[in-house]
C-alpha cells in the first residue's frame, strides 16, 4: 500500500463511474477502523464491508478478491 494511505489523509481515486474514498486506520499491520465513501449506488450495505475489513491484515493479497 502507499504511504499516503493513512487515517485522516484519504487518497481519492476517480473511477469511470464516480469517486471512491476508503479511509483506514492501521495499527501494526492490522485494520482497526474502515470507512468507505463515494458517489456510487450500493448493492449491499457499505457498513457490512467496512466491518468485514476490520481486523484483517493490511495487504493486497488479503483484501483483494477475484
N, C-alpha and C. Protein backbone atom coordinates (compact mmCIF):
# COMPACT_ATOMS: atom_id res chain seq x y z
N UNK A 1 0.84 -1.18 0.00
CA UNK A 1 0.00 0.00 0.00
C UNK A 1 0.88 1.24 0.00
N UNK A 2 0.34 2.35 -0.44
CA UNK A 2 1.12 3.57 -0.49
C UNK A 2 1.21 4.20 0.89
N UNK A 3 2.25 4.99 1.11
CA UNK A 3 2.45 5.62 2.41
C UNK A 3 1.44 6.72 2.67
N UNK A 4 0.74 7.21 1.64
CA UNK A 4 -0.27 8.25 1.81
C UNK A 4 -1.59 7.71 2.36
N UNK A 5 -1.73 6.39 2.40
CA UNK A 5 -2.98 5.78 2.83
C UNK A 5 -3.01 5.67 4.35
N UNK A 6 -3.24 6.78 5.01
CA UNK A 6 -3.31 6.80 6.46
C UNK A 6 -4.61 7.45 6.89
N UNK A 7 -5.08 7.10 8.08
CA UNK A 7 -6.33 7.67 8.59
C UNK A 7 -6.18 9.18 8.68
N UNK A 8 -7.12 9.90 8.15
CA UNK A 8 -7.07 11.35 8.16
C UNK A 8 -6.44 11.94 6.91
N UNK A 9 -5.79 11.12 6.10
CA UNK A 9 -5.18 11.55 4.85
C UNK A 9 -5.69 10.66 3.73
N UNK A 10 -6.98 10.77 3.38
CA UNK A 10 -7.53 9.86 2.38
C UNK A 10 -6.93 10.06 1.00
N UNK A 11 -6.87 8.98 0.27
CA UNK A 11 -6.44 9.01 -1.12
C UNK A 11 -7.69 8.81 -1.96
N UNK A 12 -8.04 9.79 -2.78
CA UNK A 12 -9.22 9.68 -3.63
C UNK A 12 -8.85 9.05 -4.95
N UNK A 13 -9.70 8.17 -5.44
CA UNK A 13 -9.50 7.52 -6.72
C UNK A 13 -10.70 7.84 -7.60
N UNK A 14 -10.48 8.54 -8.68
CA UNK A 14 -11.56 8.85 -9.61
C UNK A 14 -11.78 7.65 -10.52
N UNK A 15 -12.98 7.11 -10.48
CA UNK A 15 -13.34 5.96 -11.29
C UNK A 15 -14.14 6.43 -12.48
N UNK A 16 -14.29 5.58 -13.45
CA UNK A 16 -15.10 5.92 -14.62
C UNK A 16 -16.52 6.23 -14.20
N UNK A 17 -17.02 5.57 -13.17
CA UNK A 17 -18.41 5.72 -12.75
C UNK A 17 -18.57 6.64 -11.55
N UNK A 18 -17.50 7.18 -10.99
CA UNK A 18 -17.63 8.06 -9.85
C UNK A 18 -16.38 8.09 -9.00
N UNK A 19 -16.58 8.41 -7.72
CA UNK A 19 -15.46 8.54 -6.80
C UNK A 19 -15.60 7.55 -5.66
N UNK A 20 -14.49 6.94 -5.28
CA UNK A 20 -14.45 6.02 -4.16
C UNK A 20 -13.36 6.49 -3.21
N UNK A 21 -13.71 6.63 -1.93
CA UNK A 21 -12.74 7.03 -0.91
C UNK A 21 -12.78 6.00 0.20
N UNK A 22 -11.63 5.46 0.55
CA UNK A 22 -11.53 4.48 1.62
C UNK A 22 -10.55 5.01 2.66
N UNK A 23 -11.02 5.18 3.89
CA UNK A 23 -10.18 5.62 4.99
C UNK A 23 -9.91 4.43 5.90
N UNK A 24 -8.64 4.18 6.17
CA UNK A 24 -8.26 3.06 7.03
C UNK A 24 -7.41 3.56 8.19
N UNK A 25 -7.65 3.02 9.37
CA UNK A 25 -6.74 3.20 10.49
C UNK A 25 -6.06 1.85 10.67
N UNK A 26 -4.73 1.84 10.51
CA UNK A 26 -3.97 0.60 10.56
C UNK A 26 -2.98 0.68 11.73
N UNK A 27 -3.01 -0.33 12.58
CA UNK A 27 -2.10 -0.42 13.72
C UNK A 27 -1.37 -1.76 13.62
N UNK A 28 -0.05 -1.69 13.57
CA UNK A 28 0.79 -2.88 13.49
C UNK A 28 0.36 -3.83 12.37
N UNK A 29 -0.01 -3.23 11.22
CA UNK A 29 -0.36 -4.03 10.05
C UNK A 29 -1.77 -4.57 10.01
N UNK A 30 -2.61 -4.21 11.00
CA UNK A 30 -3.99 -4.69 11.04
C UNK A 30 -4.96 -3.52 10.96
N UNK A 31 -6.01 -3.69 10.18
CA UNK A 31 -7.02 -2.65 10.02
C UNK A 31 -7.84 -2.55 11.31
N UNK A 32 -7.82 -1.37 11.92
CA UNK A 32 -8.56 -1.13 13.15
C UNK A 32 -9.88 -0.41 12.90
N UNK A 33 -9.92 0.39 11.83
CA UNK A 33 -11.12 1.16 11.50
C UNK A 33 -11.17 1.34 9.99
N UNK A 34 -12.37 1.28 9.44
CA UNK A 34 -12.55 1.41 7.99
C UNK A 34 -13.82 2.20 7.72
N UNK A 35 -13.71 3.20 6.83
CA UNK A 35 -14.88 3.94 6.36
C UNK A 35 -14.78 4.05 4.85
N UNK A 36 -15.87 3.79 4.17
CA UNK A 36 -15.92 3.84 2.72
C UNK A 36 -16.95 4.89 2.32
N UNK A 37 -16.53 5.80 1.44
CA UNK A 37 -17.40 6.87 0.95
C UNK A 37 -17.36 6.88 -0.57
N UNK A 38 -18.37 7.42 -1.19
CA UNK A 38 -18.34 7.57 -2.64
C UNK A 38 -19.69 7.96 -3.19
N UNK A 39 -19.68 8.28 -4.46
CA UNK A 39 -20.93 8.63 -5.14
C UNK A 39 -21.35 7.46 -6.03
N UNK A 40 -21.60 6.35 -5.37
CA UNK A 40 -21.95 5.12 -6.07
C UNK A 40 -23.23 4.55 -5.47
N UNK A 41 -23.89 3.71 -6.21
CA UNK A 41 -25.06 3.01 -5.71
C UNK A 41 -24.60 1.65 -5.20
N UNK A 42 -24.96 1.35 -4.00
CA UNK A 42 -24.50 0.10 -3.39
C UNK A 42 -25.55 -0.99 -3.51
N UNK A 43 -25.10 -2.20 -3.76
CA UNK A 43 -25.99 -3.36 -3.79
C UNK A 43 -26.16 -3.94 -2.39
N UNK A 44 -25.17 -3.70 -1.54
CA UNK A 44 -25.21 -4.16 -0.15
C UNK A 44 -24.81 -3.00 0.74
N UNK A 45 -25.07 -3.12 2.01
CA UNK A 45 -24.73 -2.08 2.96
C UNK A 45 -23.22 -1.93 3.06
N UNK A 46 -22.71 -0.73 2.84
CA UNK A 46 -21.28 -0.47 2.90
C UNK A 46 -20.72 -0.78 4.29
N UNK A 47 -21.51 -0.57 5.33
CA UNK A 47 -21.06 -0.86 6.70
C UNK A 47 -20.70 -2.33 6.86
N UNK A 48 -21.38 -3.21 6.13
CA UNK A 48 -21.06 -4.64 6.20
C UNK A 48 -19.64 -4.90 5.68
N UNK A 49 -19.28 -4.23 4.60
CA UNK A 49 -17.93 -4.38 4.03
C UNK A 49 -16.90 -3.78 4.97
N UNK A 50 -17.21 -2.60 5.52
CA UNK A 50 -16.29 -1.96 6.47
C UNK A 50 -16.02 -2.88 7.65
N UNK A 51 -17.07 -3.48 8.19
CA UNK A 51 -16.93 -4.37 9.33
C UNK A 51 -16.13 -5.64 8.99
N UNK A 52 -16.29 -6.14 7.77
CA UNK A 52 -15.52 -7.31 7.35
C UNK A 52 -14.02 -7.02 7.28
N UNK A 53 -13.66 -5.80 6.92
CA UNK A 53 -12.25 -5.43 6.79
C UNK A 53 -11.57 -5.19 8.13
N UNK A 54 -12.34 -4.77 9.14
CA UNK A 54 -11.75 -4.52 10.46
C UNK A 54 -11.20 -5.83 11.01
N UNK A 55 -9.94 -5.77 11.44
CA UNK A 55 -9.28 -6.95 11.98
C UNK A 55 -8.41 -7.67 10.96
N UNK A 56 -8.60 -7.38 9.67
CA UNK A 56 -7.78 -8.00 8.63
C UNK A 56 -6.38 -7.43 8.63
N UNK A 57 -5.44 -8.26 8.21
CA UNK A 57 -4.08 -7.78 7.98
C UNK A 57 -4.11 -6.97 6.70
N UNK A 58 -3.45 -5.80 6.72
CA UNK A 58 -3.44 -4.96 5.54
C UNK A 58 -2.44 -5.50 4.53
N UNK A 59 -2.93 -5.87 3.38
CA UNK A 59 -2.10 -6.37 2.31
C UNK A 59 -2.97 -6.67 1.11
N UNK A 60 -2.47 -6.42 -0.07
CA UNK A 60 -3.26 -6.62 -1.27
C UNK A 60 -3.76 -8.06 -1.38
N UNK A 61 -2.93 -9.02 -1.00
CA UNK A 61 -3.32 -10.42 -1.11
C UNK A 61 -4.44 -10.79 -0.14
N UNK A 62 -4.62 -10.00 0.92
CA UNK A 62 -5.65 -10.28 1.91
C UNK A 62 -6.97 -9.62 1.55
N UNK A 63 -6.94 -8.35 1.12
CA UNK A 63 -8.18 -7.61 0.88
C UNK A 63 -8.68 -7.70 -0.56
N UNK A 64 -7.86 -8.18 -1.49
CA UNK A 64 -8.28 -8.32 -2.88
C UNK A 64 -8.98 -9.64 -3.11
N UNK A 65 -9.89 -9.66 -4.04
CA UNK A 65 -10.54 -10.92 -4.42
C UNK A 65 -10.68 -10.95 -5.94
N UNK A 66 -10.90 -12.14 -6.46
CA UNK A 66 -11.05 -12.30 -7.91
C UNK A 66 -12.41 -11.88 -8.37
